[in-house]
C-alpha cells in the first residue's frame, strides 16, 4: 500500500518544553534540532520528539486518569537502566503492571514511559 503521509515527529504536551527536552536529550543522546518559545525538538530525520508548551498543562495521572500516549524505550538491563533513568529525572511509580517484563517510569512532566530490557 502506498503511504498517504510520513510521520514527522511525536510531540508531547508539557508546561516547560526546555526542561522536558533536556530530560529526553539526556536519556537518548539526541541533540536539540529546533527551539522556539513554544516548541523544542530533539533528534533529526524521521526520528524526532517534540515538546510543546501548553498553558494550564495538567500532568497525566498514573495509573488511570486523563487520556495520554506514552513512549517505549529499551535499556541494556533493568539493574542499571532504571537507576540511570531515575537519576536523569524520571520517577518510578509503585503501580507496575508489567511485572518482570516491563517497567513504567514517569518523565518529569508525568508522561508514562514503558521500559523493557534489550535482547
PDB file of N, CA and C in Angstrom:
ATOM      1  N   UNK A   1       0.839  -1.169   0.000  1.00  0.00           N
ATOM      2  CA  UNK A   1       0.000   0.000   0.000  1.00  0.00           C
ATOM      3  C   UNK A   1       0.890   1.240   0.000  1.00  0.00           C
ATOM      4  N   UNK A   2       0.549   2.211  -0.778  1.00  0.00           N
ATOM      5  CA  UNK A   2       1.299   3.463  -0.832  1.00  0.00           C
ATOM      6  C   UNK A   2       0.951   4.319   0.382  1.00  0.00           C
ATOM      7  N   UNK A   3       1.951   4.912   1.003  1.00  0.00           N
ATOM      8  CA  UNK A   3       1.659   5.745   2.170  1.00  0.00           C
ATOM      9  C   UNK A   3       0.944   7.031   1.778  1.00  0.00           C
ATOM     10  N   UNK A   4       0.108   7.495   2.651  1.00  0.00           N
ATOM     11  CA  UNK A   4      -0.574   8.774   2.468  1.00  0.00           C
ATOM     12  C   UNK A   4       0.251   9.888   3.086  1.00  0.00           C
ATOM     13  N   UNK A   5       0.948   9.578   4.184  1.00  0.00           N
ATOM     14  CA  UNK A   5       1.724  10.590   4.907  1.00  0.00           C
ATOM     15  C   UNK A   5       2.924   9.926   5.563  1.00  0.00           C
ATOM     16  N   UNK A   6       3.901  10.727   5.927  1.00  0.00           N
ATOM     17  CA  UNK A   6       5.077  10.239   6.646  1.00  0.00           C
ATOM     18  C   UNK A   6       5.098  10.883   8.034  1.00  0.00           C
ATOM     19  N   UNK A   7       5.409  10.093   9.046  1.00  0.00           N
ATOM     20  CA  UNK A   7       5.496  10.612  10.403  1.00  0.00           C
ATOM     21  C   UNK A   7       6.663  11.587  10.497  1.00  0.00           C
ATOM     22  N   UNK A   8       6.394  12.784  10.950  1.00  0.00           N
ATOM     23  CA  UNK A   8       7.405  13.831  11.061  1.00  0.00           C
ATOM     24  C   UNK A   8       8.014  13.858  12.458  1.00  0.00           C
ATOM     25  N   UNK A   9       7.186  13.718  13.490  1.00  0.00           N
ATOM     26  CA  UNK A   9       7.652  13.737  14.869  1.00  0.00           C
ATOM     27  C   UNK A   9       6.528  13.310  15.785  1.00  0.00           C
ATOM     28  N   UNK A  10       6.898  12.888  16.979  1.00  0.00           N
ATOM     29  CA  UNK A  10       5.958  12.689  18.069  1.00  0.00           C
ATOM     30  C   UNK A  10       6.112  13.903  18.969  1.00  0.00           C
ATOM     31  N   UNK A  11       5.008  14.533  19.368  1.00  0.00           N
ATOM     32  CA  UNK A  11       5.062  15.747  20.172  1.00  0.00           C
ATOM     33  C   UNK A  11       4.346  15.511  21.494  1.00  0.00           C
ATOM     34  N   UNK A  12       5.023  15.832  22.583  1.00  0.00           N
ATOM     35  CA  UNK A  12       4.448  15.714  23.918  1.00  0.00           C
ATOM     36  C   UNK A  12       4.091  17.097  24.449  1.00  0.00           C
ATOM     37  N   UNK A  13       2.889  17.228  24.970  1.00  0.00           N
ATOM     38  CA  UNK A  13       2.486  18.471  25.621  1.00  0.00           C
ATOM     39  C   UNK A  13       3.167  18.564  26.983  1.00  0.00           C
ATOM     40  N   UNK A  14       3.462  19.787  27.409  1.00  0.00           N
ATOM     41  CA  UNK A  14       4.108  19.983  28.702  1.00  0.00           C
ATOM     42  C   UNK A  14       4.023  21.452  29.104  1.00  0.00           C
ATOM     43  N   UNK A  15       4.418  21.750  30.331  1.00  0.00           N
ATOM     44  CA  UNK A  15       4.458  23.135  30.800  1.00  0.00           C
ATOM     45  C   UNK A  15       5.768  23.812  30.414  1.00  0.00           C
ATOM     46  N   UNK A  16       6.862  23.038  30.360  1.00  0.00           N
ATOM     47  CA  UNK A  16       8.190  23.602  30.115  1.00  0.00           C
ATOM     48  C   UNK A  16       8.930  22.761  29.080  1.00  0.00           C
ATOM     49  N   UNK A  17       8.855  23.137  27.786  1.00  0.00           N
ATOM     50  CA  UNK A  17       9.489  22.321  26.749  1.00  0.00           C
ATOM     51  C   UNK A  17      11.000  22.215  26.886  1.00  0.00           C
ATOM     52  N   UNK A  18      11.668  23.253  27.390  1.00  0.00           N
ATOM     53  CA  UNK A  18      13.119  23.169  27.561  1.00  0.00           C
ATOM     54  C   UNK A  18      13.495  22.112  28.590  1.00  0.00           C
ATOM     55  N   UNK A  19      12.780  22.091  29.706  1.00  0.00           N
ATOM     56  CA  UNK A  19      13.059  21.115  30.764  1.00  0.00           C
ATOM     57  C   UNK A  19      12.826  19.688  30.272  1.00  0.00           C
ATOM     58  N   UNK A  20      11.700  19.468  29.610  1.00  0.00           N
ATOM     59  CA  UNK A  20      11.391  18.114  29.159  1.00  0.00           C
ATOM     60  C   UNK A  20      12.327  17.674  28.035  1.00  0.00           C
ATOM     61  N   UNK A  21      12.669  18.587  27.135  1.00  0.00           N
ATOM     62  CA  UNK A  21      13.628  18.257  26.081  1.00  0.00           C
ATOM     63  C   UNK A  21      14.974  17.882  26.675  1.00  0.00           C
ATOM     64  N   UNK A  22      15.408  18.581  27.719  1.00  0.00           N
ATOM     65  CA  UNK A  22      16.695  18.269  28.357  1.00  0.00           C
ATOM     66  C   UNK A  22      16.676  16.868  28.963  1.00  0.00           C
ATOM     67  N   UNK A  23      15.565  16.479  29.592  1.00  0.00           N
ATOM     68  CA  UNK A  23      15.449  15.126  30.136  1.00  0.00           C
ATOM     69  C   UNK A  23      15.599  14.093  29.029  1.00  0.00           C
ATOM     70  N   UNK A  24      14.830  14.224  27.954  1.00  0.00           N
ATOM     71  CA  UNK A  24      14.891  13.247  26.864  1.00  0.00           C
ATOM     72  C   UNK A  24      16.222  13.317  26.118  1.00  0.00           C
ATOM     73  N   UNK A  25      16.837  14.484  26.052  1.00  0.00           N
ATOM     74  CA  UNK A  25      18.155  14.603  25.443  1.00  0.00           C
ATOM     75  C   UNK A  25      19.171  13.799  26.258  1.00  0.00           C
ATOM     76  N   UNK A  26      19.071  13.876  27.592  1.00  0.00           N
ATOM     77  CA  UNK A  26      19.977  13.109  28.459  1.00  0.00           C
ATOM     78  C   UNK A  26      19.837  11.610  28.236  1.00  0.00           C
ATOM     79  N   UNK A  27      18.599  11.131  28.094  1.00  0.00           N
ATOM     80  CA  UNK A  27      18.432   9.673  28.012  1.00  0.00           C
ATOM     81  C   UNK A  27      18.632   9.120  26.611  1.00  0.00           C
ATOM     82  N   UNK A  28      18.466   9.953  25.570  1.00  0.00           N
ATOM     83  CA  UNK A  28      18.642   9.455  24.199  1.00  0.00           C
ATOM     84  C   UNK A  28      19.990   9.831  23.596  1.00  0.00           C
ATOM     85  N   UNK A  29      20.600  10.900  24.097  1.00  0.00           N
ATOM     86  CA  UNK A  29      21.823  11.414  23.492  1.00  0.00           C
ATOM     87  C   UNK A  29      21.564  12.276  22.270  1.00  0.00           C
ATOM     88  N   UNK A  30      20.297  12.514  21.924  1.00  0.00           N
ATOM     89  CA  UNK A  30      19.952  13.317  20.755  1.00  0.00           C
ATOM     90  C   UNK A  30      20.158  14.791  21.058  1.00  0.00           C
ATOM     91  N   UNK A  31      20.488  15.542  20.047  1.00  0.00           N
ATOM     92  CA  UNK A  31      20.704  16.978  20.187  1.00  0.00           C
ATOM     93  C   UNK A  31      19.435  17.755  19.849  1.00  0.00           C
ATOM     94  N   UNK A  32      19.375  18.985  20.349  1.00  0.00           N
ATOM     95  CA  UNK A  32      18.265  19.873  20.013  1.00  0.00           C
ATOM     96  C   UNK A  32      18.421  20.305  18.562  1.00  0.00           C
ATOM     97  N   UNK A  33      17.376  20.093  17.773  1.00  0.00           N
ATOM     98  CA  UNK A  33      17.403  20.479  16.367  1.00  0.00           C
ATOM     99  C   UNK A  33      16.631  21.747  16.084  1.00  0.00           C
ATOM    100  N   UNK A  34      15.715  22.087  16.993  1.00  0.00           N
ATOM    101  CA  UNK A  34      14.903  23.285  16.800  1.00  0.00           C
ATOM    102  C   UNK A  34      14.415  23.748  18.163  1.00  0.00           C
ATOM    103  N   UNK A  35      14.385  25.049  18.351  1.00  0.00           N
ATOM    104  CA  UNK A  35      13.888  25.616  19.606  1.00  0.00           C
ATOM    105  C   UNK A  35      13.181  26.930  19.307  1.00  0.00           C
ATOM    106  N   UNK A  36      11.998  27.110  19.900  1.00  0.00           N
ATOM    107  CA  UNK A  36      11.291  28.389  19.863  1.00  0.00           C
ATOM    108  C   UNK A  36      10.704  28.597  21.256  1.00  0.00           C
ATOM    109  N   UNK A  37       9.937  29.639  21.417  1.00  0.00           N
ATOM    110  CA  UNK A  37       9.319  29.892  22.720  1.00  0.00           C
ATOM    111  C   UNK A  37       8.306  28.803  23.079  1.00  0.00           C
ATOM    112  N   UNK A  38       7.715  28.191  22.077  1.00  0.00           N
ATOM    113  CA  UNK A  38       6.642  27.224  22.291  1.00  0.00           C
ATOM    114  C   UNK A  38       7.073  25.771  22.094  1.00  0.00           C
ATOM    115  N   UNK A  39       8.072  25.525  21.259  1.00  0.00           N
ATOM    116  CA  UNK A  39       8.469  24.162  20.901  1.00  0.00           C
ATOM    117  C   UNK A  39       9.959  23.947  21.075  1.00  0.00           C
ATOM    118  N   UNK A  40      10.320  22.690  21.406  1.00  0.00           N
ATOM    119  CA  UNK A  40      11.696  22.215  21.306  1.00  0.00           C
ATOM    120  C   UNK A  40      11.611  20.830  20.666  1.00  0.00           C
ATOM    121  N   UNK A  41      12.473  20.589  19.664  1.00  0.00           N
ATOM    122  CA  UNK A  41      12.560  19.273  19.037  1.00  0.00           C
ATOM    123  C   UNK A  41      13.961  18.725  19.225  1.00  0.00           C
ATOM    124  N   UNK A  42      14.037  17.421  19.531  1.00  0.00           N
ATOM    125  CA  UNK A  42      15.329  16.743  19.579  1.00  0.00           C
ATOM    126  C   UNK A  42      15.319  15.633  18.544  1.00  0.00           C
ATOM    127  N   UNK A  43      16.501  15.213  18.118  1.00  0.00           N
ATOM    128  CA  UNK A  43      16.619  14.189  17.091  1.00  0.00           C
ATOM    129  C   UNK A  43      16.631  14.828  15.723  1.00  0.00           C
ATOM    130  N   UNK A  44      16.759  13.990  14.713  1.00  0.00           N
ATOM    131  CA  UNK A  44      16.772  14.505  13.347  1.00  0.00           C
ATOM    132  C   UNK A  44      16.224  13.454  12.414  1.00  0.00           C
ATOM    133  N   UNK A  45      15.906  13.867  11.217  1.00  0.00           N
ATOM    134  CA  UNK A  45      15.360  12.937  10.237  1.00  0.00           C
ATOM    135  C   UNK A  45      13.986  12.452  10.652  1.00  0.00           C
ATOM    136  N   UNK A  46      13.737  11.176  10.457  1.00  0.00           N
ATOM    137  CA  UNK A  46      12.419  10.607  10.720  1.00  0.00           C
ATOM    138  C   UNK A  46      12.172  10.331  12.197  1.00  0.00           C
ATOM    139  N   UNK A  47      13.194  10.406  13.033  1.00  0.00           N
ATOM    140  CA  UNK A  47      13.028  10.125  14.454  1.00  0.00           C
ATOM    141  C   UNK A  47      13.260  11.396  15.246  1.00  0.00           C
ATOM    142  N   UNK A  48      12.161  12.048  15.602  1.00  0.00           N
ATOM    143  CA  UNK A  48      12.237  13.287  16.371  1.00  0.00           C
ATOM    144  C   UNK A  48      11.153  13.269  17.439  1.00  0.00           C
ATOM    145  N   UNK A  49      11.473  13.870  18.573  1.00  0.00           N
ATOM    146  CA  UNK A  49      10.477  14.083  19.617  1.00  0.00           C
ATOM    147  C   UNK A  49      10.375  15.582  19.825  1.00  0.00           C
ATOM    148  N   UNK A  50       9.150  16.078  19.839  1.00  0.00           N
ATOM    149  CA  UNK A  50       8.902  17.484  20.084  1.00  0.00           C
ATOM    150  C   UNK A  50       8.229  17.676  21.432  1.00  0.00           C
ATOM    151  N   UNK A  51       8.418  18.847  21.999  1.00  0.00           N
ATOM    152  CA  UNK A  51       7.847  19.193  23.293  1.00  0.00           C
ATOM    153  C   UNK A  51       7.171  20.548  23.126  1.00  0.00           C
ATOM    154  N   UNK A  52       5.872  20.592  23.394  1.00  0.00           N
ATOM    155  CA  UNK A  52       5.066  21.778  23.120  1.00  0.00           C
ATOM    156  C   UNK A  52       4.547  22.370  24.425  1.00  0.00           C
ATOM    157  N   UNK A  53       4.808  23.671  24.614  1.00  0.00           N
ATOM    158  CA  UNK A  53       4.305  24.381  25.794  1.00  0.00           C
ATOM    159  C   UNK A  53       2.785  24.512  25.697  1.00  0.00           C
ATOM    160  N   UNK A  54       2.097  24.102  26.746  1.00  0.00           N
ATOM    161  CA  UNK A  54       0.647  24.189  26.837  1.00  0.00           C
ATOM    162  C   UNK A  54       0.308  24.974  28.099  1.00  0.00           C
ATOM    163  N   UNK A  55      -0.400  26.080  27.960  1.00  0.00           N
ATOM    164  CA  UNK A  55      -0.850  26.831  29.122  1.00  0.00           C
ATOM    165  C   UNK A  55      -1.837  26.000  29.929  1.00  0.00           C
ATOM    166  N   UNK A  56      -1.693  25.985  31.238  1.00  0.00           N
ATOM    167  CA  UNK A  56      -2.585  25.204  32.087  1.00  0.00           C
ATOM    168  C   UNK A  56      -2.380  23.704  31.971  1.00  0.00           C
ATOM    169  N   UNK A  57      -1.182  23.293  31.556  1.00  0.00           N
ATOM    170  CA  UNK A  57      -0.878  21.866  31.375  1.00  0.00           C
ATOM    171  C   UNK A  57      -1.218  21.084  32.642  1.00  0.00           C
ATOM    172  N   UNK A  58      -1.890  19.950  32.474  1.00  0.00           N
ATOM    173  CA  UNK A  58      -2.198  19.041  33.571  1.00  0.00           C
ATOM    174  C   UNK A  58      -1.416  17.755  33.371  1.00  0.00           C
ATOM    175  N   UNK A  59      -0.666  17.355  34.388  1.00  0.00           N
ATOM    176  CA  UNK A  59       0.103  16.111  34.308  1.00  0.00           C
ATOM    177  C   UNK A  59      -0.832  14.922  34.098  1.00  0.00           C
ATOM    178  N   UNK A  60      -0.447  13.980  33.240  1.00  0.00           N
ATOM    179  CA  UNK A  60      -1.218  12.735  33.147  1.00  0.00           C
ATOM    180  C   UNK A  60      -1.215  12.030  34.501  1.00  0.00           C
ATOM    181  N   UNK A  61      -2.269  11.313  34.789  1.00  0.00           N
ATOM    182  CA  UNK A  61      -2.358  10.571  36.051  1.00  0.00           C
ATOM    183  C   UNK A  61      -1.998   9.107  35.809  1.00  0.00           C
ATOM    184  N   UNK A  62      -1.144   8.571  36.667  1.00  0.00           N
ATOM    185  CA  UNK A  62      -0.787   7.150  36.568  1.00  0.00           C
ATOM    186  C   UNK A  62      -1.086   6.499  37.885  1.00  0.00           C
ATOM    187  N   UNK A  63      -1.784   5.371  37.889  1.00  0.00           N
ATOM    188  CA  UNK A  63      -2.473   4.746  36.748  1.00  0.00           C
ATOM    189  C   UNK A  63      -3.821   5.423  36.502  1.00  0.00           C
ATOM    190  N   UNK A  64      -4.428   5.103  35.388  1.00  0.00           N
ATOM    191  CA  UNK A  64      -5.747   5.652  35.049  1.00  0.00           C
ATOM    192  C   UNK A  64      -5.682   7.141  34.800  1.00  0.00           C
ATOM    193  N   UNK A  65      -6.803   7.799  34.969  1.00  0.00           N
ATOM    194  CA  UNK A  65      -6.837   9.245  34.827  1.00  0.00           C
ATOM    195  C   UNK A  65      -7.068   9.687  33.400  1.00  0.00           C
ATOM    196  N   UNK A  66      -6.595  10.905  33.113  1.00  0.00           N
ATOM    197  CA  UNK A  66      -6.861  11.519  31.817  1.00  0.00           C
ATOM    198  C   UNK A  66      -6.160  10.785  30.673  1.00  0.00           C
ATOM    199  N   UNK A  67      -6.690  10.903  29.453  1.00  0.00           N
ATOM    200  CA  UNK A  67      -6.096  10.213  28.304  1.00  0.00           C
ATOM    201  C   UNK A  67      -4.648  10.634  28.078  1.00  0.00           C
ATOM    202  N   UNK A  68      -3.859   9.718  27.558  1.00  0.00           N
ATOM    203  CA  UNK A  68      -2.449  10.008  27.323  1.00  0.00           C
ATOM    204  C   UNK A  68      -1.870   9.023  26.313  1.00  0.00           C
ATOM    205  N   UNK A  69      -0.726   9.385  25.781  1.00  0.00           N
ATOM    206  CA  UNK A  69       0.087   8.479  24.965  1.00  0.00           C
ATOM    207  C   UNK A  69       1.369   8.243  25.753  1.00  0.00           C
ATOM    208  N   UNK A  70       2.150   7.279  25.331  1.00  0.00           N
ATOM    209  CA  UNK A  70       3.425   7.054  26.005  1.00  0.00           C
ATOM    210  C   UNK A  70       4.470   6.599  25.000  1.00  0.00           C
ATOM    211  N   UNK A  71       5.739   6.730  25.386  1.00  0.00           N
ATOM    212  CA  UNK A  71       6.857   6.270  24.574  1.00  0.00           C
ATOM    213  C   UNK A  71       7.422   5.006  25.191  1.00  0.00           C
ATOM    214  N   UNK A  72       7.959   4.121  24.356  1.00  0.00           N
ATOM    215  CA  UNK A  72       8.611   2.893  24.814  1.00  0.00           C
ATOM    216  C   UNK A  72      10.106   3.006  24.556  1.00  0.00           C
ATOM    217  N   UNK A  73      10.898   2.584  25.532  1.00  0.00           N
ATOM    218  CA  UNK A  73      12.355   2.594  25.423  1.00  0.00           C
ATOM    219  C   UNK A  73      12.896   1.243  25.869  1.00  0.00           C
ATOM    220  N   UNK A  74      14.072   0.892  25.362  1.00  0.00           N
ATOM    221  CA  UNK A  74      14.778  -0.284  25.855  1.00  0.00           C
ATOM    222  C   UNK A  74      16.047   0.161  26.557  1.00  0.00           C
ATOM    223  N   UNK A  75      16.438  -0.609  27.557  1.00  0.00           N
ATOM    224  CA  UNK A  75      17.694  -0.400  28.276  1.00  0.00           C
ATOM    225  C   UNK A  75      18.448  -1.729  28.254  1.00  0.00           C
ATOM    226  N   UNK A  76      19.783  -1.698  28.402  1.00  0.00           N
ATOM    227  CA  UNK A  76      20.519  -2.959  28.393  1.00  0.00           C
ATOM    228  C   UNK A  76      20.019  -3.929  29.459  1.00  0.00           C
ATOM    229  N   UNK A  77      19.720  -3.424  30.656  1.00  0.00           N
ATOM    230  CA  UNK A  77      19.157  -4.242  31.725  1.00  0.00           C
ATOM    231  C   UNK A  77      18.491  -3.305  32.733  1.00  0.00           C
ATOM    232  N   UNK A  78      17.525  -3.841  33.474  1.00  0.00           N
ATOM    233  CA  UNK A  78      16.808  -3.031  34.457  1.00  0.00           C
ATOM    234  C   UNK A  78      17.717  -2.563  35.589  1.00  0.00           C
ATOM    235  N   UNK A  79      18.668  -3.417  35.990  1.00  0.00           N
ATOM    236  CA  UNK A  79      19.516  -3.109  37.152  1.00  0.00           C
ATOM    237  C   UNK A  79      20.315  -1.820  36.974  1.00  0.00           C
ATOM    238  N   UNK A  80      20.749  -1.526  35.755  1.00  0.00           N
ATOM    239  CA  UNK A  80      21.483  -0.284  35.523  1.00  0.00           C
ATOM    240  C   UNK A  80      20.628   0.779  34.837  1.00  0.00           C
ATOM    241  N   UNK A  81      19.704   0.358  33.974  1.00  0.00           N
ATOM    242  CA  UNK A  81      18.899   1.302  33.209  1.00  0.00           C
ATOM    243  C   UNK A  81      17.902   2.081  34.053  1.00  0.00           C
ATOM    244  N   UNK A  82      17.190   1.407  34.940  1.00  0.00           N
ATOM    245  CA  UNK A  82      16.171   2.092  35.754  1.00  0.00           C
ATOM    246  C   UNK A  82      16.821   3.139  36.659  1.00  0.00           C
ATOM    247  N   UNK A  83      17.883   2.810  37.418  1.00  0.00           N
ATOM    248  CA  UNK A  83      18.511   3.852  38.241  1.00  0.00           C
ATOM    249  C   UNK A  83      19.068   5.018  37.419  1.00  0.00           C
ATOM    250  N   UNK A  84      19.584   4.751  36.223  1.00  0.00           N
ATOM    251  CA  UNK A  84      20.104   5.826  35.377  1.00  0.00           C
ATOM    252  C   UNK A  84      18.972   6.742  34.910  1.00  0.00           C
ATOM    253  N   UNK A  85      17.832   6.170  34.559  1.00  0.00           N
ATOM    254  CA  UNK A  85      16.689   6.982  34.148  1.00  0.00           C
ATOM    255  C   UNK A  85      16.161   7.819  35.308  1.00  0.00           C
ATOM    256  N   UNK A  86      16.127   7.238  36.498  1.00  0.00           N
ATOM    257  CA  UNK A  86      15.690   7.979  37.684  1.00  0.00           C
ATOM    258  C   UNK A  86      16.676   9.110  37.987  1.00  0.00           C
ATOM    259  N   UNK A  87      17.961   8.839  37.878  1.00  0.00           N
ATOM    260  CA  UNK A  87      18.969   9.890  38.112  1.00  0.00           C
ATOM    261  C   UNK A  87      18.833  11.022  37.099  1.00  0.00           C
ATOM    262  N   UNK A  88      18.358  10.714  35.885  1.00  0.00           N
ATOM    263  CA  UNK A  88      18.176  11.732  34.846  1.00  0.00           C
ATOM    264  C   UNK A  88      16.922  12.564  35.073  1.00  0.00           C
ATOM    265  N   UNK A  89      16.018  12.103  35.966  1.00  0.00           N
ATOM    266  CA  UNK A  89      14.822  12.882  36.274  1.00  0.00           C
ATOM    267  C   UNK A  89      13.509  12.127  36.205  1.00  0.00           C
ATOM    268  N   UNK A  90      13.525  10.861  35.811  1.00  0.00           N
ATOM    269  CA  UNK A  90      12.303  10.060  35.779  1.00  0.00           C
ATOM    270  C   UNK A  90      11.937   9.629  37.196  1.00  0.00           C
ATOM    271  N   UNK A  91      10.696   9.200  37.364  1.00  0.00           N
ATOM    272  CA  UNK A  91      10.291   8.622  38.645  1.00  0.00           C
ATOM    273  C   UNK A  91       9.709   7.240  38.389  1.00  0.00           C
ATOM    274  N   UNK A  92       9.806   6.385  39.392  1.00  0.00           N
ATOM    275  CA  UNK A  92       9.339   5.006  39.308  1.00  0.00           C
ATOM    276  C   UNK A  92       8.112   4.868  40.201  1.00  0.00           C
ATOM    277  N   UNK A  93       6.900   4.843  39.606  1.00  0.00           N
ATOM    278  CA  UNK A  93       5.700   4.734  40.430  1.00  0.00           C
ATOM    279  C   UNK A  93       5.551   3.341  41.032  1.00  0.00           C
ATOM    280  N   UNK A  94       4.746   3.248  42.082  1.00  0.00           N
ATOM    281  CA  UNK A  94       4.515   1.961  42.736  1.00  0.00           C
ATOM    282  C   UNK A  94       3.752   0.994  41.844  1.00  0.00           C
ATOM    283  N   UNK A  95       2.774   1.488  41.076  1.00  0.00           N
ATOM    284  CA  UNK A  95       1.963   0.623  40.228  1.00  0.00           C
ATOM    285  C   UNK A  95       2.781   0.174  39.025  1.00  0.00           C
ATOM    286  N   UNK A  96       3.086  -1.115  38.952  1.00  0.00           N
ATOM    287  CA  UNK A  96       3.906  -1.694  37.885  1.00  0.00           C
ATOM    288  C   UNK A  96       3.181  -2.892  37.270  1.00  0.00           C
ATOM    289  N   UNK A  97       2.301  -2.646  36.269  1.00  0.00           N
ATOM    290  CA  UNK A  97       1.503  -3.725  35.697  1.00  0.00           C
ATOM    291  C   UNK A  97       2.291  -4.705  34.831  1.00  0.00           C
ATOM    292  N   UNK A  98       3.524  -4.378  34.458  1.00  0.00           N
ATOM    293  CA  UNK A  98       4.288  -5.232  33.551  1.00  0.00           C
ATOM    294  C   UNK A  98       5.054  -6.350  34.220  1.00  0.00           C
ATOM    295  N   UNK A  99       5.000  -6.422  35.550  1.00  0.00           N
ATOM    296  CA  UNK A  99       5.733  -7.470  36.258  1.00  0.00           C
ATOM    297  C   UNK A  99       7.221  -7.393  35.948  1.00  0.00           C
ATOM    298  N   UNK A 100       7.801  -8.526  35.585  1.00  0.00           N
ATOM    299  CA  UNK A 100       9.231  -8.578  35.263  1.00  0.00           C
ATOM    300  C   UNK A 100       9.507  -8.289  33.792  1.00  0.00           C
ATOM    301  N   UNK A 101       8.450  -8.183  32.965  1.00  0.00           N
ATOM    302  CA  UNK A 101       8.625  -7.988  31.526  1.00  0.00           C
ATOM    303  C   UNK A 101       8.930  -6.539  31.140  1.00  0.00           C
ATOM    304  N   UNK A 102       8.285  -5.573  31.800  1.00  0.00           N
ATOM    305  CA  UNK A 102       8.495  -4.171  31.503  1.00  0.00           C
ATOM    306  C   UNK A 102       8.153  -3.340  32.717  1.00  0.00           C
ATOM    307  N   UNK A 103       8.741  -2.163  32.767  1.00  0.00           N
ATOM    308  CA  UNK A 103       8.537  -1.239  33.883  1.00  0.00           C
ATOM    309  C   UNK A 103       7.959   0.057  33.345  1.00  0.00           C
ATOM    310  N   UNK A 104       7.180   0.729  34.166  1.00  0.00           N
ATOM    311  CA  UNK A 104       6.650   2.050  33.835  1.00  0.00           C
ATOM    312  C   UNK A 104       7.412   3.076  34.655  1.00  0.00           C
ATOM    313  N   UNK A 105       7.947   4.075  33.989  1.00  0.00           N
ATOM    314  CA  UNK A 105       8.520   5.238  34.649  1.00  0.00           C
ATOM    315  C   UNK A 105       7.720   6.447  34.188  1.00  0.00           C
ATOM    316  N   UNK A 106       7.835   7.545  34.916  1.00  0.00           N
ATOM    317  CA  UNK A 106       7.179   8.794  34.536  1.00  0.00           C
ATOM    318  C   UNK A 106       8.251   9.821  34.249  1.00  0.00           C
ATOM    319  N   UNK A 107       8.111  10.535  33.127  1.00  0.00           N
ATOM    320  CA  UNK A 107       9.074  11.593  32.830  1.00  0.00           C
ATOM    321  C   UNK A 107       8.782  12.798  33.734  1.00  0.00           C
ATOM    322  N   UNK A 108       9.601  13.832  33.724  1.00  0.00           N
ATOM    323  CA  UNK A 108       9.381  14.965  34.629  1.00  0.00           C
ATOM    324  C   UNK A 108       8.034  15.676  34.460  1.00  0.00           C
ATOM    325  N   UNK A 109       7.383  15.534  33.306  1.00  0.00           N
ATOM    326  CA  UNK A 109       6.076  16.148  33.094  1.00  0.00           C
ATOM    327  C   UNK A 109       4.931  15.177  33.389  1.00  0.00           C
ATOM    328  N   UNK A 110       5.267  13.950  33.825  1.00  0.00           N
ATOM    329  CA  UNK A 110       4.262  12.964  34.185  1.00  0.00           C
ATOM    330  C   UNK A 110       3.851  11.996  33.099  1.00  0.00           C
ATOM    331  N   UNK A 111       4.449  12.083  31.892  1.00  0.00           N
ATOM    332  CA  UNK A 111       4.117  11.139  30.828  1.00  0.00           C
ATOM    333  C   UNK A 111       4.689   9.768  31.174  1.00  0.00           C
ATOM    334  N   UNK A 112       3.873   8.704  31.081  1.00  0.00           N
ATOM    335  CA  UNK A 112       4.412   7.367  31.310  1.00  0.00           C
ATOM    336  C   UNK A 112       5.393   6.970  30.198  1.00  0.00           C
ATOM    337  N   UNK A 113       6.375   6.192  30.572  1.00  0.00           N
ATOM    338  CA  UNK A 113       7.350   5.620  29.629  1.00  0.00           C
ATOM    339  C   UNK A 113       7.457   4.135  29.957  1.00  0.00           C
ATOM    340  N   UNK A 114       7.288   3.276  28.980  1.00  0.00           N
ATOM    341  CA  UNK A 114       7.454   1.849  29.206  1.00  0.00           C
ATOM    342  C   UNK A 114       8.904   1.488  28.888  1.00  0.00           C
ATOM    343  N   UNK A 115       9.513   0.759  29.807  1.00  0.00           N
ATOM    344  CA  UNK A 115      10.921   0.389  29.685  1.00  0.00           C
ATOM    345  C   UNK A 115      11.018  -1.131  29.631  1.00  0.00           C
ATOM    346  N   UNK A 116      11.713  -1.638  28.604  1.00  0.00           N
ATOM    347  CA  UNK A 116      11.975  -3.069  28.505  1.00  0.00           C
ATOM    348  C   UNK A 116      13.489  -3.266  28.409  1.00  0.00           C
ATOM    349  N   UNK A 117      13.892  -4.498  28.699  1.00  0.00           N
ATOM    350  CA  UNK A 117      15.304  -4.849  28.561  1.00  0.00           C
ATOM    351  C   UNK A 117      15.581  -5.241  27.120  1.00  0.00           C
ATOM    352  N   UNK A 118      16.735  -4.807  26.605  1.00  0.00           N
ATOM    353  CA  UNK A 118      17.132  -5.167  25.241  1.00  0.00           C
ATOM    354  C   UNK A 118      17.443  -6.651  25.175  1.00  0.00           C
ATOM    355  N   UNK A 119      17.149  -7.232  24.028  1.00  0.00           N
ATOM    356  CA  UNK A 119      17.503  -8.626  23.806  1.00  0.00           C
ATOM    357  C   UNK A 119      16.487  -9.514  24.273  1.00  0.00           C
TER     358      UNK A 119
END
